[in-house]
Amino acid sequence: MNQTLTRYLPADDAQRVVLHNEIHTRPSATFKLPALIVYVAVLNKDVSKESELAHLQKLSLEQDLPPDGDKSSFLQLQCNGFKVIWERHTEFTRYTIFQPLPAHAQWGSQLPELTPFVATGSQWLSDIPGETITAIHLAMLNEGMQDPDAFAKARLWLGEGTVIGSKMGRASDNQSHSHLMTTLRIGSDGFERILVLAAPETSENRSGRIAQRLLELETYRIMSLLSLPLAKSLAAKLTQSEFRLVEINDRLEKKMNKDELLLDDLAALAAQVESTTAENSFRFSAARAYDAIVQQRIAEMREQPLSGIQTVGEFMQRRLAPAMATVNATSLRLSALAERVARASDLLRTRVDIATENYNQQLLEKLTKGQAMQLRLQTTVEGLSIAAISYYVVSLTLYLGKALQASGVHVSPEILAGFSTPVVLFVCWRVIQNIHQSLKDI
């Protein structure tokens, strides 16, 4: 179809098709209820895409994996009796396994053991390359919404911990398409448990969207919190740098040290702050981006409260918001410190520039005085030069008079020399003036 359209259009930009199809690259899964979704997200630092594809190849796939040169970071793989979705992101990779709910884990069962009943087997899960950041057992049932004992039965399935949850759906007409309950606690098997009771008429597409929204919510919550330990560890370092800057500013104000020493100290502090900023700016920026996605997913859930329990949005607001406030405050504190160091450096450079200008002015005045002295000396030398030249010319005139007298011409050499002296002095002075004028015209 693209080739047909391009007959009526200018040539496509090289990125047009890729950018257009980006919106279709990660579709939601479709599956029937009741279902068990096993979800594992791992940090993929130092893990290659090839090793992840090699691990997927160990599954009993009903289709071939793309060739090695394929640049896709999303695969939806159909296996014998279950489905696997693989998604590789910048910092983490997600593995989502969709399968029918095991018979022993049906509605009203008491904390069933699920890991051995995962379609892929627990060994395949433990061999996933990378380090686990999120692991969830999400059970989705198309019954139980109207059960008066739903809360008690959900506690049996979820295990220990305070249950939080909500109705999900349109708040305008007080309708909900499903109920969500979870404890957000990691169990002895390493998984969190989430239970969704959906309406019997829930479609396969809606089931996929609900599952994707909940799994992304928990994943991005943990990813946003990766920066919290970093923010806490930076607090002492930032305090030390701030005290150091205050001490340098105090020395700068009181002129306790030479400018060169202060400039060296400020340059060292600026380099340290810049290094810290470069090391951590990506982590803090990523935290803000992940937190924005969390808030977006919570808004998309359109929660309504379930009687007696806290909603997910309220829980996140009380627990996640303070952590993100700490992260954002540390990021702003680091930026403010860098700006303060830059301002102190500017002040010191200004003072150094002023001192340099004063020194240059004094040097220029000395040079001006020296040039004036040289000019006076040159004028004196020129006066002596005129006298010397005139002396030699008058001497030559005297010799000329003696020569004429010796040849019989009646002339007195001394009188000739005496009368020629004023003329010689004037001519010599005039020649020197002409030379000066010609030099000025150049």
Protein backbone atom coordinates (compact mmCIF):
# COMPACT_ATOMS: atom_id res chain seq x y z
CA MET A 1 0.00 0.00 0.00
CA ASN A 2 2.88 2.36 0.76
CA GLN A 3 4.24 1.95 -2.75
CA THR A 4 0.81 2.80 -4.23
CA LEU A 5 0.47 5.93 -2.10
CA THR A 6 3.91 7.25 -2.90
CA ARG A 7 2.91 7.62 -6.54
CA TYR A 8 0.80 10.61 -5.50
CA LEU A 9 3.14 12.02 -2.85
CA PRO A 10 6.67 13.39 -2.62
CA ALA A 11 9.36 10.95 -1.55
CA ASP A 12 8.97 9.70 2.04
CA ASP A 13 11.27 10.93 4.75
CA ALA A 14 13.59 8.14 5.87
CA GLN A 15 11.88 8.01 9.30
CA ARG A 16 8.26 8.33 8.19
CA VAL A 17 7.22 4.68 8.25
CA VAL A 18 9.16 3.88 11.42
CA LEU A 19 7.68 6.83 13.30
CA HIS A 20 4.18 6.13 12.01
CA ASN A 21 4.29 2.47 13.03
CA GLU A 22 5.71 3.25 16.49
CA ILE A 23 2.18 3.59 17.83
CA HIS A 24 1.46 -0.01 16.79
CA THR A 25 4.68 -1.61 18.03
CA ARG A 26 3.49 -2.56 21.55
CA PRO A 27 -0.17 -3.65 21.33
CA SER A 28 -1.97 -4.92 24.42
CA ALA A 29 -2.40 -8.65 24.72
CA THR A 30 -5.78 -10.29 24.33
CA PHE A 31 -6.77 -13.27 26.47
CA LYS A 32 -9.79 -14.98 27.95
CA LEU A 33 -10.74 -14.97 31.61
CA PRO A 34 -10.05 -16.44 34.09
CA ALA A 35 -6.32 -16.10 33.56
CA LEU A 36 -3.04 -15.99 35.45
CA ILE A 37 -0.48 -13.47 34.22
CA VAL A 38 3.07 -14.06 35.37
CA TYR A 39 5.12 -10.92 34.97
CA VAL A 40 8.86 -10.43 35.45
CA ALA A 41 10.75 -7.18 34.78
CA VAL A 42 14.56 -7.25 34.92
CA LEU A 43 17.21 -4.56 34.65
CA ASN A 44 19.01 -5.17 31.36
CA LYS A 45 22.29 -3.39 32.08
CA ASP A 46 25.13 -5.40 30.48
CA VAL A 47 22.52 -7.80 29.03
CA SER A 48 22.47 -7.98 25.26
CA LYS A 49 19.38 -8.33 23.15
CA GLU A 50 20.86 -11.46 21.61
CA SER A 51 21.09 -13.22 24.98
CA GLU A 52 17.44 -12.38 25.70
CA LEU A 53 16.34 -13.75 22.33
CA ALA A 54 18.41 -16.87 22.95
CA HIS A 55 16.57 -17.38 26.23
CA LEU A 56 13.21 -16.95 24.48
CA GLN A 57 14.32 -19.60 22.00
CA LYS A 58 14.29 -22.15 24.84
CA LEU A 59 10.49 -21.98 24.91
CA SER A 60 8.36 -24.38 22.88
CA LEU A 61 7.47 -21.72 20.34
CA GLU A 62 4.89 -22.17 17.63
CA GLN A 63 6.63 -19.53 15.49
CA ASP A 64 10.15 -18.54 14.52
CA LEU A 65 11.97 -15.65 16.16
CA PRO A 66 12.99 -12.75 13.92
CA PRO A 67 16.49 -12.83 12.41
CA ASP A 68 19.44 -11.42 14.34
CA GLY A 69 19.37 -8.22 12.33
CA ASP A 70 15.81 -7.39 13.36
CA LYS A 71 15.68 -4.14 15.33
CA SER A 72 12.34 -4.82 17.03
CA SER A 73 12.20 -4.60 20.83
CA PHE A 74 8.75 -6.19 21.14
CA LEU A 75 7.68 -9.76 20.46
CA GLN A 76 4.38 -11.52 21.08
CA LEU A 77 5.06 -15.24 21.00
CA GLN A 78 2.50 -18.02 20.93
CA CYS A 79 3.49 -21.19 22.71
CA ASN A 80 1.72 -24.46 23.43
CA GLY A 81 -1.11 -23.40 25.75
CA PHE A 82 0.22 -19.99 26.74
CA LYS A 83 1.42 -16.69 25.33
CA VAL A 84 4.61 -14.72 26.06
CA ILE A 85 5.23 -11.02 25.43
CA TRP A 86 8.82 -9.78 25.45
CA GLU A 87 9.49 -6.02 25.63
CA ARG A 88 12.96 -4.50 25.82
CA HIS A 89 13.19 -0.91 27.09
CA THR A 90 16.13 1.39 27.72
CA GLU A 91 16.79 0.23 31.29
CA PHE A 92 14.68 -2.87 31.75
CA THR A 93 13.12 -5.79 29.92
CA ARG A 94 9.63 -7.17 30.57
CA TYR A 95 8.48 -10.78 30.25
CA THR A 96 4.71 -11.30 30.47
CA ILE A 97 3.25 -14.81 30.41
CA PHE A 98 -0.49 -15.29 29.85
CA GLN A 99 -2.08 -18.64 30.71
CA PRO A 100 -5.36 -20.03 32.01
CA LEU A 101 -5.82 -19.83 35.77
CA PRO A 102 -4.69 -23.11 37.40
CA ALA A 103 -7.54 -25.19 38.78
CA HIS A 104 -6.24 -25.06 42.36
CA ALA A 105 -6.15 -21.24 42.26
CA GLN A 106 -9.81 -20.60 41.47
CA TRP A 107 -12.01 -18.06 43.23
CA GLY A 108 -12.04 -18.61 46.98
CA SER A 109 -8.87 -20.71 47.17
CA GLN A 110 -6.45 -20.14 50.04
CA LEU A 111 -3.04 -18.75 49.03
CA PRO A 112 -2.18 -21.36 46.37
CA GLU A 113 1.41 -22.00 45.35
CA LEU A 114 1.64 -20.67 41.78
CA THR A 115 5.29 -20.70 40.68
CA PRO A 116 5.52 -24.45 39.93
CA PHE A 117 2.37 -24.15 37.81
CA VAL A 118 3.70 -21.39 35.57
CA ALA A 119 3.49 -22.60 31.99
CA THR A 120 7.18 -21.99 31.28
CA GLY A 121 8.43 -23.68 34.44
CA SER A 122 10.24 -22.06 37.34
CA GLN A 123 13.67 -22.95 35.91
CA TRP A 124 13.07 -20.87 32.78
CA LEU A 125 11.99 -17.93 34.93
CA SER A 126 15.06 -18.09 37.19
CA ASP A 127 17.35 -18.23 34.14
CA ILE A 128 16.05 -14.96 32.64
CA PRO A 129 19.14 -12.78 32.02
CA GLY A 130 19.25 -9.67 34.18
CA GLU A 131 18.34 -8.67 37.72
CA THR A 132 14.72 -8.76 38.88
CA ILE A 133 13.14 -5.39 39.60
CA THR A 134 9.47 -6.43 39.58
CA ALA A 135 7.72 -9.81 39.71
CA ILE A 136 3.93 -10.13 39.82
CA HIS A 137 1.29 -12.84 39.82
CA LEU A 138 -1.82 -11.17 38.42
CA ALA A 139 -5.00 -13.26 38.64
CA MET A 140 -7.94 -12.02 36.60
CA LEU A 141 -11.36 -13.62 37.14
CA ASN A 142 -14.71 -12.94 35.50
CA GLU A 143 -16.63 -13.59 38.71
CA GLY A 144 -16.76 -12.41 42.30
CA MET A 145 -17.66 -8.74 41.80
CA GLN A 146 -21.08 -9.24 43.40
CA ASP A 147 -19.95 -11.80 45.97
CA PRO A 148 -20.70 -10.43 49.48
CA ASP A 149 -17.68 -12.38 50.77
CA ALA A 150 -15.36 -11.05 48.04
CA PHE A 151 -13.15 -9.14 50.44
CA ALA A 152 -12.60 -12.12 52.75
CA LYS A 153 -11.92 -14.47 49.84
CA ALA A 154 -9.51 -11.99 48.30
CA ARG A 155 -7.54 -11.88 51.57
CA LEU A 156 -7.24 -15.69 51.40
CA TRP A 157 -5.75 -15.48 47.91
CA LEU A 158 -3.51 -12.44 48.55
CA GLY A 159 -2.06 -13.57 51.88
CA GLU A 160 -0.80 -11.36 54.70
CA GLY A 161 -0.72 -7.59 54.52
CA THR A 162 -3.07 -4.66 54.39
CA VAL A 163 -5.31 -4.91 51.35
CA ILE A 164 -5.65 -1.87 49.11
CA GLY A 165 -7.81 -1.66 46.04
CA SER A 166 -10.65 0.04 44.23
CA LYS A 167 -13.38 -0.18 41.67
CA MET A 168 -12.09 0.64 38.22
CA GLY A 169 -14.39 2.29 35.71
CA ARG A 170 -16.44 5.39 35.02
CA ALA A 171 -17.14 7.48 38.07
CA SER A 172 -19.73 9.66 36.26
CA ASP A 173 -22.47 7.02 36.31
CA ASN A 174 -21.02 5.04 39.24
CA GLN A 175 -20.24 2.06 37.03
CA SER A 176 -17.15 -0.14 37.25
CA HIS A 177 -15.86 -2.82 34.93
CA SER A 178 -13.67 -4.54 37.53
CA HIS A 179 -12.47 -4.60 41.12
CA LEU A 180 -8.79 -4.47 42.02
CA MET A 181 -7.27 -5.79 45.26
CA THR A 182 -3.63 -6.22 46.27
CA THR A 183 -1.26 -5.91 49.22
CA LEU A 184 1.76 -4.72 47.17
CA ARG A 185 3.95 -7.04 49.25
CA ILE A 186 6.58 -9.50 47.99
CA GLY A 187 5.68 -13.05 48.99
CA SER A 188 7.94 -15.93 49.93
CA ASP A 189 8.09 -16.95 46.25
CA GLY A 190 9.43 -13.49 45.27
CA PHE A 191 6.21 -12.36 43.58
CA GLU A 192 3.68 -9.68 44.41
CA ARG A 193 0.05 -10.70 44.04
CA ILE A 194 -2.70 -8.68 42.37
CA LEU A 195 -6.29 -9.86 42.07
CA VAL A 196 -8.75 -8.43 39.55
CA LEU A 197 -12.43 -9.40 39.64
CA ALA A 198 -13.87 -8.44 36.27
CA ALA A 199 -17.41 -8.41 35.01
CA PRO A 200 -18.53 -11.60 33.23
CA GLU A 201 -18.95 -9.74 29.93
CA THR A 202 -15.39 -8.37 29.98
CA SER A 203 -13.90 -8.62 26.49
CA GLU A 204 -10.47 -10.03 25.68
CA ASN A 205 -9.26 -6.59 24.58
CA ARG A 206 -10.35 -4.94 27.83
CA SER A 207 -8.70 -7.70 29.83
CA GLY A 208 -5.44 -6.97 28.04
CA ARG A 209 -5.68 -3.23 28.66
CA ILE A 210 -6.43 -3.70 32.37
CA ALA A 211 -3.51 -6.09 32.81
CA GLN A 212 -1.09 -3.86 30.92
CA ARG A 213 -2.11 -0.79 32.94
CA LEU A 214 -1.62 -2.51 36.30
CA LEU A 215 1.67 -4.16 35.38
CA GLU A 216 3.10 -0.92 34.01
CA LEU A 217 1.93 0.96 37.10
CA GLU A 218 3.92 -1.26 39.45
CA THR A 219 6.96 -1.47 37.15
CA TYR A 220 7.30 2.27 36.69
CA ARG A 221 6.69 2.83 40.41
CA ILE A 222 9.76 0.73 41.22
CA MET A 223 11.80 2.29 38.40
CA SER A 224 11.01 5.78 39.68
CA LEU A 225 12.21 4.73 43.14
CA LEU A 226 15.62 3.62 41.85
CA SER A 227 16.80 7.19 42.35
CA LEU A 228 15.73 7.37 46.02
CA PRO A 229 18.80 5.58 47.50
CA LEU A 230 20.98 7.73 45.26
CA ALA A 231 19.27 10.91 46.49
CA LYS A 232 19.76 9.88 50.11
CA SER A 233 23.44 9.04 49.57
CA LEU A 234 24.03 12.42 47.90
CA ALA A 235 22.63 14.41 50.82
CA ALA A 236 25.81 14.31 52.93
CA LYS A 237 28.01 15.02 49.90
CA LEU A 238 25.91 18.03 48.91
CA THR A 239 25.97 19.36 52.47
CA GLN A 240 29.77 19.15 52.51
CA SER A 241 30.00 20.94 49.15
CA GLU A 242 27.63 23.68 50.31
CA PHE A 243 29.70 24.31 53.46
CA ARG A 244 32.82 24.42 51.32
CA LEU A 245 31.23 27.00 49.01
CA VAL A 246 30.19 29.14 52.00
CA GLU A 247 33.77 29.04 53.29
CA ILE A 248 35.17 30.07 49.87
CA ASN A 249 32.64 32.91 49.60
CA ASP A 250 33.65 34.12 53.08
CA ARG A 251 37.31 34.15 52.06
CA LEU A 252 36.36 35.90 48.84
CA GLU A 253 34.45 38.62 50.70
CA LYS A 254 37.15 39.22 53.31
CA LYS A 255 40.01 38.95 50.79
CA MET A 256 41.80 36.45 53.03
CA ASN A 257 43.66 34.73 50.20
CA LYS A 258 45.13 35.53 46.86
CA ASP A 259 42.76 35.41 43.94
CA GLU A 260 44.74 32.61 42.33
CA LEU A 261 44.24 30.35 45.36
CA LEU A 262 40.53 31.13 45.57
CA LEU A 263 40.14 30.48 41.86
CA ASP A 264 41.85 27.11 42.20
CA ASP A 265 39.53 26.12 45.07
CA LEU A 266 36.44 27.24 43.18
CA ALA A 267 37.55 25.40 40.05
CA ALA A 268 38.04 22.20 42.07
CA LEU A 269 34.58 22.55 43.66
CA ALA A 270 32.97 23.31 40.30
CA ALA A 271 34.59 20.22 38.78
CA GLN A 272 33.29 18.08 41.66
CA VAL A 273 29.74 19.44 41.35
CA GLU A 274 29.77 19.06 37.56
CA SER A 275 30.97 15.48 37.88
CA THR A 276 28.18 14.69 40.36
CA THR A 277 25.64 16.31 38.06
CA ALA A 278 26.84 14.37 35.04
CA GLU A 279 26.74 11.08 36.96
CA ASN A 280 23.22 11.53 38.34
CA SER A 281 21.27 13.81 36.00
CA PHE A 282 20.03 10.89 33.88
CA ARG A 283 18.82 8.99 36.94
CA PHE A 284 16.91 11.98 38.28
CA SER A 285 15.41 12.80 34.87
CA ALA A 286 14.37 9.17 34.42
CA ALA A 287 12.74 9.18 37.87
CA ARG A 288 10.60 12.17 36.93
CA ALA A 289 9.60 10.53 33.64
CA TYR A 290 8.71 7.24 35.35
CA ASP A 291 6.72 9.03 38.05
CA ALA A 292 4.76 10.89 35.36
CA ILE A 293 3.83 7.54 33.79
CA VAL A 294 2.72 6.22 37.20
CA GLN A 295 0.43 9.20 37.71
CA GLN A 296 -0.93 8.76 34.21
CA ARG A 297 -1.70 5.06 34.78
CA ILE A 298 -3.45 5.86 38.07
CA ALA A 299 -5.59 8.46 36.30
CA GLU A 300 -6.47 5.94 33.58
CA MET A 301 -7.76 3.49 36.21
CA ARG A 302 -10.55 5.97 37.14
CA GLU A 303 -10.71 4.57 40.65
CA GLN A 304 -13.74 4.52 42.90
CA PRO A 305 -13.31 3.48 46.54
CA LEU A 306 -14.16 0.03 47.81
CA SER A 307 -15.75 0.05 51.22
CA GLY A 308 -13.21 -0.08 54.02
CA ILE A 309 -9.95 -0.11 52.04
CA GLN A 310 -7.61 2.50 50.63
CA THR A 311 -7.46 3.10 46.88
CA VAL A 312 -4.25 2.57 44.94
CA GLY A 313 -4.08 6.28 44.08
CA GLU A 314 -4.35 7.29 47.74
CA PHE A 315 -1.77 4.72 48.74
CA MET A 316 0.67 5.95 46.10
CA GLN A 317 0.08 9.55 47.08
CA ARG A 318 0.97 8.82 50.70
CA ARG A 319 3.91 6.50 50.01
CA LEU A 320 5.34 7.37 46.60
CA ALA A 321 4.89 11.15 46.64
CA PRO A 322 7.27 11.77 49.61
CA ALA A 323 9.94 9.63 47.99
CA MET A 324 9.65 11.52 44.71
CA ALA A 325 9.68 14.82 46.62
CA THR A 326 13.01 13.76 48.13
CA VAL A 327 14.38 12.89 44.71
CA ASN A 328 13.20 16.15 43.15
CA ALA A 329 14.51 18.19 46.08
CA THR A 330 17.94 16.57 45.74
CA SER A 331 17.95 17.23 42.00
CA LEU A 332 17.02 20.89 42.53
CA ARG A 333 19.56 21.18 45.32
CA LEU A 334 22.30 19.90 43.03
CA SER A 335 21.28 22.33 40.28
CA ALA A 336 21.15 25.23 42.73
CA LEU A 337 24.61 24.36 44.05
CA ALA A 338 26.01 24.34 40.51
CA GLU A 339 24.47 27.77 39.87
CA ARG A 340 25.87 29.19 43.13
CA VAL A 341 29.34 27.91 42.30
CA ALA A 342 29.04 29.49 38.86
CA ARG A 343 28.00 32.84 40.36
CA ALA A 344 30.90 32.77 42.84
CA SER A 345 33.27 31.97 39.99
CA ASP A 346 31.87 34.88 37.99
CA LEU A 347 32.37 37.25 40.93
CA LEU A 348 35.94 36.10 41.44
CA ARG A 349 36.70 36.35 37.73
CA THR A 350 35.24 39.86 37.72
CA ARG A 351 37.52 40.84 40.60
CA VAL A 352 40.50 39.30 38.83
CA ASP A 353 39.58 41.12 35.60
CA ILE A 354 39.34 44.45 37.45
CA ALA A 355 42.71 43.87 39.12
CA THR A 356 44.18 42.95 35.75
CA GLU A 357 42.77 46.10 34.16
CA ASN A 358 44.25 48.23 36.95
CA TYR A 359 47.61 46.58 36.48
CA ASN A 360 47.42 47.11 32.73
CA GLN A 361 46.50 50.77 33.31
CA GLN A 362 49.50 51.27 35.55
CA LEU A 363 51.71 49.51 33.05
CA LEU A 364 50.33 51.69 30.26
CA GLU A 365 51.03 54.82 32.28
CA LYS A 366 54.61 53.68 32.83
CA LEU A 367 54.96 52.98 29.14
CA THR A 368 53.55 56.43 28.33
CA LYS A 369 56.04 58.09 30.66
CA GLY A 370 58.86 56.09 29.14
CA GLN A 371 57.82 57.05 25.65
CA ALA A 372 57.71 60.74 26.67
CA MET A 373 61.20 60.47 28.09
CA GLN A 374 62.37 58.74 24.94
CA LEU A 375 60.82 61.53 22.88
CA ARG A 376 62.62 64.19 24.90
CA LEU A 377 65.85 62.26 24.66
CA GLN A 378 65.33 61.82 20.94
CA THR A 379 64.73 65.57 20.57
CA THR A 380 67.95 66.28 22.46
CA VAL A 381 69.82 63.79 20.32
CA GLU A 382 68.39 65.36 17.19
CA GLY A 383 69.57 68.82 18.36
CA LEU A 384 73.04 67.41 18.92
CA SER A 385 72.85 65.72 15.53
CA ILE A 386 72.09 69.05 13.83
CA ALA A 387 75.06 70.66 15.62
CA ALA A 388 77.36 67.79 14.70
CA ILE A 389 76.29 67.75 11.05
CA SER A 390 76.60 71.53 10.83
CA TYR A 391 80.08 71.35 12.38
CA TYR A 392 81.22 68.84 9.77
CA VAL A 393 79.69 70.87 6.89
CA VAL A 394 81.27 74.13 8.15
CA SER A 395 84.60 72.31 8.47
CA LEU A 396 84.27 71.23 4.86
CA THR A 397 83.53 74.88 3.91
CA LEU A 398 86.69 75.98 5.76
CA TYR A 399 88.70 73.41 3.81
CA LEU A 400 87.04 74.61 0.62
CA GLY A 401 88.03 78.25 1.40
CA LYS A 402 91.62 77.22 2.06
CA ALA A 403 91.71 75.33 -1.22
CA LEU A 404 90.38 78.37 -3.11
CA GLN A 405 92.90 80.65 -1.36
CA ALA A 406 95.74 78.32 -2.30
CA SER A 407 94.60 78.34 -5.91
CA GLY A 408 94.90 82.16 -6.12
CA VAL A 409 91.31 83.15 -5.36
CA HIS A 410 91.22 86.11 -3.02
CA VAL A 411 89.01 84.70 -0.24
CA SER A 412 89.38 84.29 3.48
CA PRO A 413 88.60 80.72 4.59
CA GLU A 414 87.60 81.82 8.10
CA ILE A 415 85.16 84.43 6.81
CA LEU A 416 83.66 81.94 4.35
CA ALA A 417 83.21 79.37 7.13
CA GLY A 418 81.73 81.97 9.49
CA PHE A 419 79.16 83.27 7.03
CA SER A 420 78.17 79.71 5.95
CA THR A 421 77.49 78.55 9.51
CA PRO A 422 73.94 80.05 9.85
CA VAL A 423 73.02 78.78 6.40
CA VAL A 424 74.29 75.26 7.20
CA LEU A 425 72.43 75.18 10.52
CA PHE A 426 69.16 76.19 8.84
CA VAL A 427 69.54 73.67 6.02
CA CYS A 428 70.31 70.83 8.49
CA TRP A 429 67.35 71.74 10.69
CA ARG A 430 65.07 71.92 7.65
CA VAL A 431 66.19 68.51 6.37
CA ILE A 432 65.49 66.92 9.79
CA GLN A 433 61.99 68.49 9.84
CA ASN A 434 61.24 67.10 6.37
CA ILE A 435 62.31 63.64 7.48
CA HIS A 436 59.97 63.86 10.53
CA GLN A 437 57.07 64.96 8.34
CA SER A 438 57.60 62.14 5.87
CA LEU A 439 57.61 59.59 8.74
CA LYS A 440 54.30 60.98 10.05
CA ASP A 441 52.70 60.67 6.63
CA ILE A 442 53.51 56.97 6.37
